[in-house]
Amino acid sequence: VYQGIDNPAIDDWAKWLYMILWLA
């Protein structure tokens, strides 16, 4: 998530949501 914030990839929402799900 930190790397994604540092180098955002707007088109890769699936990985963002997947990481948030695993964190939760």
PDB file of all heavy atoms in Angstrom:
ATOM      1  N   VAL A   1       0.839  -1.208   0.000  1.00  0.00           N
ATOM      2  CA  VAL A   1       0.000   0.000   0.000  1.00  0.00           C
ATOM      3  C   VAL A   1       0.866   1.247   0.000  1.00  0.00           C
ATOM      4  O   VAL A   1       0.607   2.225  -0.713  1.00  0.00           O
ATOM      5  CB  VAL A   1      -0.956  -0.012   1.207  1.00  0.00           C
ATOM      6  CG1 VAL A   1      -1.624   1.343   1.389  1.00  0.00           C
ATOM      7  CG2 VAL A   1      -2.015  -1.087   1.040  1.00  0.00           C
ATOM      8  N   TYR A   2       1.943   1.215   0.803  1.00  0.00           N
ATOM      9  CA  TYR A   2       2.870   2.351   0.840  1.00  0.00           C
ATOM     10  C   TYR A   2       3.517   2.561  -0.529  1.00  0.00           C
ATOM     11  O   TYR A   2       3.625   3.702  -1.011  1.00  0.00           O
ATOM     12  CB  TYR A   2       3.938   2.099   1.892  1.00  0.00           C
ATOM     13  CG  TYR A   2       5.129   3.023   1.783  1.00  0.00           C
ATOM     14  CD1 TYR A   2       5.073   4.338   2.247  1.00  0.00           C
ATOM     15  CD2 TYR A   2       6.317   2.581   1.177  1.00  0.00           C
ATOM     16  CE1 TYR A   2       6.163   5.190   2.126  1.00  0.00           C
ATOM     17  CE2 TYR A   2       7.403   3.416   1.063  1.00  0.00           C
ATOM     18  CZ  TYR A   2       7.323   4.725   1.530  1.00  0.00           C
ATOM     19  OH  TYR A   2       8.399   5.564   1.398  1.00  0.00           O
ATOM     20  N   GLN A   3       3.933   1.469  -1.164  1.00  0.00           N
ATOM     21  CA  GLN A   3       4.521   1.599  -2.498  1.00  0.00           C
ATOM     22  C   GLN A   3       3.500   2.121  -3.503  1.00  0.00           C
ATOM     23  O   GLN A   3       3.841   2.908  -4.393  1.00  0.00           O
ATOM     24  CB  GLN A   3       5.054   0.238  -2.971  1.00  0.00           C
ATOM     25  CG  GLN A   3       6.349  -0.182  -2.312  1.00  0.00           C
ATOM     26  CD  GLN A   3       6.898  -1.454  -2.912  1.00  0.00           C
ATOM     27  OE1 GLN A   3       6.138  -2.341  -3.320  1.00  0.00           O
ATOM     28  NE2 GLN A   3       8.216  -1.563  -2.983  1.00  0.00           N
ATOM     29  N   GLY A   4       2.245   1.697  -3.349  1.00  0.00           N
ATOM     30  CA  GLY A   4       1.205   2.185  -4.249  1.00  0.00           C
ATOM     31  C   GLY A   4       0.933   3.662  -4.076  1.00  0.00           C
ATOM     32  O   GLY A   4       0.653   4.377  -5.048  1.00  0.00           O
ATOM     33  N   ILE A   5       1.020   4.146  -2.836  1.00  0.00           N
ATOM     34  CA  ILE A   5       0.843   5.583  -2.593  1.00  0.00           C
ATOM     35  C   ILE A   5       2.026   6.362  -3.139  1.00  0.00           C
ATOM     36  O   ILE A   5       1.895   7.452  -3.713  1.00  0.00           O
ATOM     37  CB  ILE A   5       0.663   5.839  -1.082  1.00  0.00           C
ATOM     38  CG1 ILE A   5      -0.641   5.205  -0.595  1.00  0.00           C
ATOM     39  CG2 ILE A   5       0.670   7.329  -0.779  1.00  0.00           C
ATOM     40  CD1 ILE A   5      -0.831   5.272   0.905  1.00  0.00           C
ATOM     41  N   ASP A   6       3.215   5.757  -2.985  1.00  0.00           N
ATOM     42  CA  ASP A   6       4.425   6.430  -3.473  1.00  0.00           C
ATOM     43  C   ASP A   6       4.473   6.453  -4.997  1.00  0.00           C
ATOM     44  O   ASP A   6       4.884   7.441  -5.609  1.00  0.00           O
ATOM     45  CB  ASP A   6       5.649   5.697  -2.912  1.00  0.00           C
ATOM     46  CG  ASP A   6       6.930   6.481  -3.139  1.00  0.00           C
ATOM     47  OD1 ASP A   6       6.883   7.726  -3.101  1.00  0.00           O
ATOM     48  OD2 ASP A   6       7.982   5.845  -3.349  1.00  0.00           O
ATOM     49  N   ASN A   7       4.034   5.347  -5.628  1.00  0.00           N
ATOM     50  CA  ASN A   7       3.988   5.276  -7.094  1.00  0.00           C
ATOM     51  C   ASN A   7       2.587   4.826  -7.516  1.00  0.00           C
ATOM     52  O   ASN A   7       2.376   3.624  -7.814  1.00  0.00           O
ATOM     53  CB  ASN A   7       5.046   4.284  -7.620  1.00  0.00           C
ATOM     54  CG  ASN A   7       6.447   4.703  -7.233  1.00  0.00           C
ATOM     55  OD1 ASN A   7       6.884   5.789  -7.579  1.00  0.00           O
ATOM     56  ND2 ASN A   7       7.145   3.835  -6.515  1.00  0.00           N
ATOM     57  N   PRO A   8       1.630   5.708  -7.504  1.00  0.00           N
ATOM     58  CA  PRO A   8       0.234   5.295  -7.739  1.00  0.00           C
ATOM     59  C   PRO A   8       0.002   4.795  -9.161  1.00  0.00           C
ATOM     60  O   PRO A   8       0.534   5.328 -10.130  1.00  0.00           O
ATOM     61  CB  PRO A   8      -0.562   6.578  -7.474  1.00  0.00           C
ATOM     62  CG  PRO A   8       0.413   7.696  -7.697  1.00  0.00           C
ATOM     63  CD  PRO A   8       1.759   7.178  -7.311  1.00  0.00           C
ATOM     64  N   ALA A   9      -0.813   3.728  -9.232  1.00  0.00           N
ATOM     65  CA  ALA A   9      -1.262   3.200 -10.524  1.00  0.00           C
ATOM     66  C   ALA A   9      -2.787   3.207 -10.509  1.00  0.00           C
ATOM     67  O   ALA A   9      -3.414   2.338  -9.908  1.00  0.00           O
ATOM     68  CB  ALA A   9      -0.730   1.782 -10.742  1.00  0.00           C
ATOM     69  N   ILE A  10      -3.367   4.220 -11.120  1.00  0.00           N
ATOM     70  CA  ILE A  10      -4.803   4.447 -11.006  1.00  0.00           C
ATOM     71  C   ILE A  10      -5.603   3.314 -11.631  1.00  0.00           C
ATOM     72  O   ILE A  10      -6.702   2.993 -11.197  1.00  0.00           O
ATOM     73  CB  ILE A  10      -5.170   5.796 -11.673  1.00  0.00           C
ATOM     74  CG1 ILE A  10      -4.407   6.931 -10.990  1.00  0.00           C
ATOM     75  CG2 ILE A  10      -6.662   6.065 -11.615  1.00  0.00           C
ATOM     76  CD1 ILE A  10      -4.621   8.287 -11.614  1.00  0.00           C
ATOM     77  N   ASP A  11      -5.051   2.663 -12.643  1.00  0.00           N
ATOM     78  CA  ASP A  11      -5.817   1.640 -13.348  1.00  0.00           C
ATOM     79  C   ASP A  11      -5.833   0.291 -12.633  1.00  0.00           C
ATOM     80  O   ASP A  11      -6.512  -0.633 -13.061  1.00  0.00           O
ATOM     81  CB  ASP A  11      -5.240   1.457 -14.764  1.00  0.00           C
ATOM     82  CG  ASP A  11      -3.760   1.073 -14.728  1.00  0.00           C
ATOM     83  OD1 ASP A  11      -3.092   1.411 -13.738  1.00  0.00           O
ATOM     84  OD2 ASP A  11      -3.298   0.451 -15.703  1.00  0.00           O
ATOM     85  N   ASP A  12      -5.072   0.149 -11.532  1.00  0.00           N
ATOM     86  CA  ASP A  12      -4.968  -1.134 -10.843  1.00  0.00           C
ATOM     87  C   ASP A  12      -5.775  -1.113  -9.543  1.00  0.00           C
ATOM     88  O   ASP A  12      -5.240  -1.331  -8.459  1.00  0.00           O
ATOM     89  CB  ASP A  12      -3.494  -1.456 -10.557  1.00  0.00           C
ATOM     90  CG  ASP A  12      -3.268  -2.953 -10.404  1.00  0.00           C
ATOM     91  OD1 ASP A  12      -4.251  -3.696 -10.535  1.00  0.00           O
ATOM     92  OD2 ASP A  12      -2.132  -3.347 -10.135  1.00  0.00           O
ATOM     93  N   TRP A  13      -7.074  -0.883  -9.652  1.00  0.00           N
ATOM     94  CA  TRP A  13      -7.936  -0.823  -8.474  1.00  0.00           C
ATOM     95  C   TRP A  13      -8.108  -2.192  -7.831  1.00  0.00           C
ATOM     96  O   TRP A  13      -8.350  -2.286  -6.611  1.00  0.00           O
ATOM     97  CB  TRP A  13      -9.304  -0.260  -8.849  1.00  0.00           C
ATOM     98  CG  TRP A  13      -9.285   1.214  -9.111  1.00  0.00           C
ATOM     99  CD1 TRP A  13      -9.310   1.837 -10.322  1.00  0.00           C
ATOM    100  CD2 TRP A  13      -9.216   2.247  -8.127  1.00  0.00           C
ATOM    101  NE1 TRP A  13      -9.270   3.198 -10.163  1.00  0.00           N
ATOM    102  CE2 TRP A  13      -9.212   3.484  -8.824  1.00  0.00           C
ATOM    103  CE3 TRP A  13      -9.164   2.252  -6.731  1.00  0.00           C
ATOM    104  CZ2 TRP A  13      -9.157   4.700  -8.167  1.00  0.00           C
ATOM    105  CZ3 TRP A  13      -9.106   3.472  -6.072  1.00  0.00           C
ATOM    106  CH2 TRP A  13      -9.098   4.680  -6.784  1.00  0.00           C
ATOM    107  N   ALA A  14      -8.034  -3.252  -8.602  1.00  0.00           N
ATOM    108  CA  ALA A  14      -8.254  -4.594  -8.050  1.00  0.00           C
ATOM    109  C   ALA A  14      -7.238  -4.914  -6.956  1.00  0.00           C
ATOM    110  O   ALA A  14      -7.607  -5.414  -5.881  1.00  0.00           O
ATOM    111  CB  ALA A  14      -8.168  -5.634  -9.164  1.00  0.00           C
ATOM    112  N   LYS A  15      -5.964  -4.633  -7.218  1.00  0.00           N
ATOM    113  CA  LYS A  15      -4.938  -4.924  -6.217  1.00  0.00           C
ATOM    114  C   LYS A  15      -5.102  -4.057  -4.973  1.00  0.00           C
ATOM    115  O   LYS A  15      -4.862  -4.511  -3.854  1.00  0.00           O
ATOM    116  CB  LYS A  15      -3.549  -4.742  -6.826  1.00  0.00           C
ATOM    117  CG  LYS A  15      -3.192  -5.816  -7.845  1.00  0.00           C
ATOM    118  CD  LYS A  15      -1.763  -5.696  -8.308  1.00  0.00           C
ATOM    119  CE  LYS A  15      -1.412  -6.824  -9.288  1.00  0.00           C
ATOM    120  NZ  LYS A  15      -0.015  -6.715  -9.769  1.00  0.00           N
ATOM    121  N   TRP A  16      -5.519  -2.789  -5.181  1.00  0.00           N
ATOM    122  CA  TRP A  16      -5.745  -1.907  -4.033  1.00  0.00           C
ATOM    123  C   TRP A  16      -6.840  -2.474  -3.136  1.00  0.00           C
ATOM    124  O   TRP A  16      -6.665  -2.597  -1.915  1.00  0.00           O
ATOM    125  CB  TRP A  16      -6.132  -0.507  -4.514  1.00  0.00           C
ATOM    126  CG  TRP A  16      -4.973   0.346  -4.864  1.00  0.00           C
ATOM    127  CD1 TRP A  16      -4.355   0.454  -6.066  1.00  0.00           C
ATOM    128  CD2 TRP A  16      -4.272   1.231  -3.977  1.00  0.00           C
ATOM    129  NE1 TRP A  16      -3.320   1.347  -6.003  1.00  0.00           N
ATOM    130  CE2 TRP A  16      -3.245   1.845  -4.735  1.00  0.00           C
ATOM    131  CE3 TRP A  16      -4.405   1.563  -2.639  1.00  0.00           C
ATOM    132  CZ2 TRP A  16      -2.362   2.767  -4.187  1.00  0.00           C
ATOM    133  CZ3 TRP A  16      -3.540   2.483  -2.082  1.00  0.00           C
ATOM    134  CH2 TRP A  16      -2.520   3.073  -2.855  1.00  0.00           C
ATOM    135  N   LEU A  17      -7.956  -2.816  -3.715  1.00  0.00           N
ATOM    136  CA  LEU A  17      -9.070  -3.346  -2.932  1.00  0.00           C
ATOM    137  C   LEU A  17      -8.710  -4.688  -2.304  1.00  0.00           C
ATOM    138  O   LEU A  17      -9.104  -4.986  -1.162  1.00  0.00           O
ATOM    139  CB  LEU A  17     -10.305  -3.497  -3.826  1.00  0.00           C
ATOM    140  CG  LEU A  17     -10.900  -2.198  -4.370  1.00  0.00           C
ATOM    141  CD1 LEU A  17     -12.039  -2.501  -5.342  1.00  0.00           C
ATOM    142  CD2 LEU A  17     -11.410  -1.314  -3.227  1.00  0.00           C
ATOM    143  N   TYR A  18      -7.948  -5.501  -3.036  1.00  0.00           N
ATOM    144  CA  TYR A  18      -7.532  -6.807  -2.525  1.00  0.00           C
ATOM    145  C   TYR A  18      -6.627  -6.653  -1.299  1.00  0.00           C
ATOM    146  O   TYR A  18      -6.777  -7.357  -0.298  1.00  0.00           O
ATOM    147  CB  TYR A  18      -6.818  -7.571  -3.636  1.00  0.00           C
ATOM    148  CG  TYR A  18      -6.792  -9.070  -3.443  1.00  0.00           C
ATOM    149  CD1 TYR A  18      -7.760  -9.715  -2.703  1.00  0.00           C
ATOM    150  CD2 TYR A  18      -5.799  -9.838  -4.037  1.00  0.00           C
ATOM    151  CE1 TYR A  18      -7.753 -11.088  -2.542  1.00  0.00           C
ATOM    152  CE2 TYR A  18      -5.775 -11.220  -3.885  1.00  0.00           C
ATOM    153  CZ  TYR A  18      -6.755 -11.830  -3.130  1.00  0.00           C
ATOM    154  OH  TYR A  18      -6.743 -13.196  -2.968  1.00  0.00           O
ATOM    155  N   MET A  19      -5.701  -5.702  -1.365  1.00  0.00           N
ATOM    156  CA  MET A  19      -4.801  -5.472  -0.235  1.00  0.00           C
ATOM    157  C   MET A  19      -5.570  -4.954   0.984  1.00  0.00           C
ATOM    158  O   MET A  19      -5.313  -5.363   2.125  1.00  0.00           O
ATOM    159  CB  MET A  19      -3.695  -4.486  -0.641  1.00  0.00           C
ATOM    160  CG  MET A  19      -2.651  -5.076  -1.574  1.00  0.00           C
ATOM    161  SD  MET A  19      -1.262  -3.967  -1.894  1.00  0.00           S
ATOM    162  CE  MET A  19      -2.043  -2.681  -2.878  1.00  0.00           C
ATOM    163  N   ILE A  20      -6.524  -4.070   0.754  1.00  0.00           N
ATOM    164  CA  ILE A  20      -7.332  -3.548   1.864  1.00  0.00           C
ATOM    165  C   ILE A  20      -8.149  -4.673   2.503  1.00  0.00           C
ATOM    166  O   ILE A  20      -8.286  -4.743   3.736  1.00  0.00           O
ATOM    167  CB  ILE A  20      -8.248  -2.412   1.365  1.00  0.00           C
ATOM    168  CG1 ILE A  20      -7.395  -1.201   0.956  1.00  0.00           C
ATOM    169  CG2 ILE A  20      -9.264  -2.012   2.434  1.00  0.00           C
ATOM    170  CD1 ILE A  20      -8.180  -0.098   0.291  1.00  0.00           C
ATOM    171  N   LEU A  21      -8.685  -5.578   1.667  1.00  0.00           N
ATOM    172  CA  LEU A  21      -9.440  -6.712   2.194  1.00  0.00           C
ATOM    173  C   LEU A  21      -8.564  -7.592   3.077  1.00  0.00           C
ATOM    174  O   LEU A  21      -8.977  -8.008   4.169  1.00  0.00           O
ATOM    175  CB  LEU A  21     -10.007  -7.537   1.031  1.00  0.00           C
ATOM    176  CG  LEU A  21     -10.732  -8.836   1.411  1.00  0.00           C
ATOM    177  CD1 LEU A  21     -11.991  -8.528   2.211  1.00  0.00           C
ATOM    178  CD2 LEU A  21     -11.070  -9.651   0.166  1.00  0.00           C
ATOM    179  N   TRP A  22      -7.343  -7.875   2.632  1.00  0.00           N
ATOM    180  CA  TRP A  22      -6.443  -8.711   3.427  1.00  0.00           C
ATOM    181  C   TRP A  22      -6.032  -8.017   4.718  1.00  0.00           C
ATOM    182  O   TRP A  22      -5.923  -8.660   5.777  1.00  0.00           O
ATOM    183  CB  TRP A  22      -5.206  -9.078   2.603  1.00  0.00           C
ATOM    184  CG  TRP A  22      -5.468 -10.179   1.629  1.00  0.00           C
ATOM    185  CD1 TRP A  22      -5.764 -10.061   0.302  1.00  0.00           C
ATOM    186  CD2 TRP A  22      -5.517 -11.574   1.912  1.00  0.00           C
ATOM    187  NE1 TRP A  22      -5.981 -11.288  -0.264  1.00  0.00           N
ATOM    188  CE2 TRP A  22      -5.835 -12.246   0.699  1.00  0.00           C
ATOM    189  CE3 TRP A  22      -5.314 -12.334   3.052  1.00  0.00           C
ATOM    190  CZ2 TRP A  22      -5.949 -13.623   0.610  1.00  0.00           C
ATOM    191  CZ3 TRP A  22      -5.433 -13.720   2.967  1.00  0.00           C
ATOM    192  CH2 TRP A  22      -5.736 -14.338   1.756  1.00  0.00           C
ATOM    193  N   LEU A  23      -5.785  -6.723   4.657  1.00  0.00           N
ATOM    194  CA  LEU A  23      -5.454  -5.979   5.877  1.00  0.00           C
ATOM    195  C   LEU A  23      -6.586  -6.070   6.886  1.00  0.00           C
ATOM    196  O   LEU A  23      -6.361  -6.319   8.082  1.00  0.00           O
ATOM    197  CB  LEU A  23      -5.158  -4.514   5.534  1.00  0.00           C
ATOM    198  CG  LEU A  23      -3.852  -4.223   4.785  1.00  0.00           C
ATOM    199  CD1 LEU A  23      -3.788  -2.755   4.383  1.00  0.00           C
ATOM    200  CD2 LEU A  23      -2.647  -4.564   5.664  1.00  0.00           C
ATOM    201  N   ALA A  24      -7.826  -5.872   6.429  1.00  0.00           N
ATOM    202  CA  ALA A  24      -8.980  -5.927   7.319  1.00  0.00           C
ATOM    203  C   ALA A  24      -9.174  -7.331   7.892  1.00  0.00           C
ATOM    204  O   ALA A  24      -9.479  -7.503   9.081  1.00  0.00           O
ATOM    205  CB  ALA A  24     -10.237  -5.473   6.573  1.00  0.00           C
TER     206      ALA A  24
END
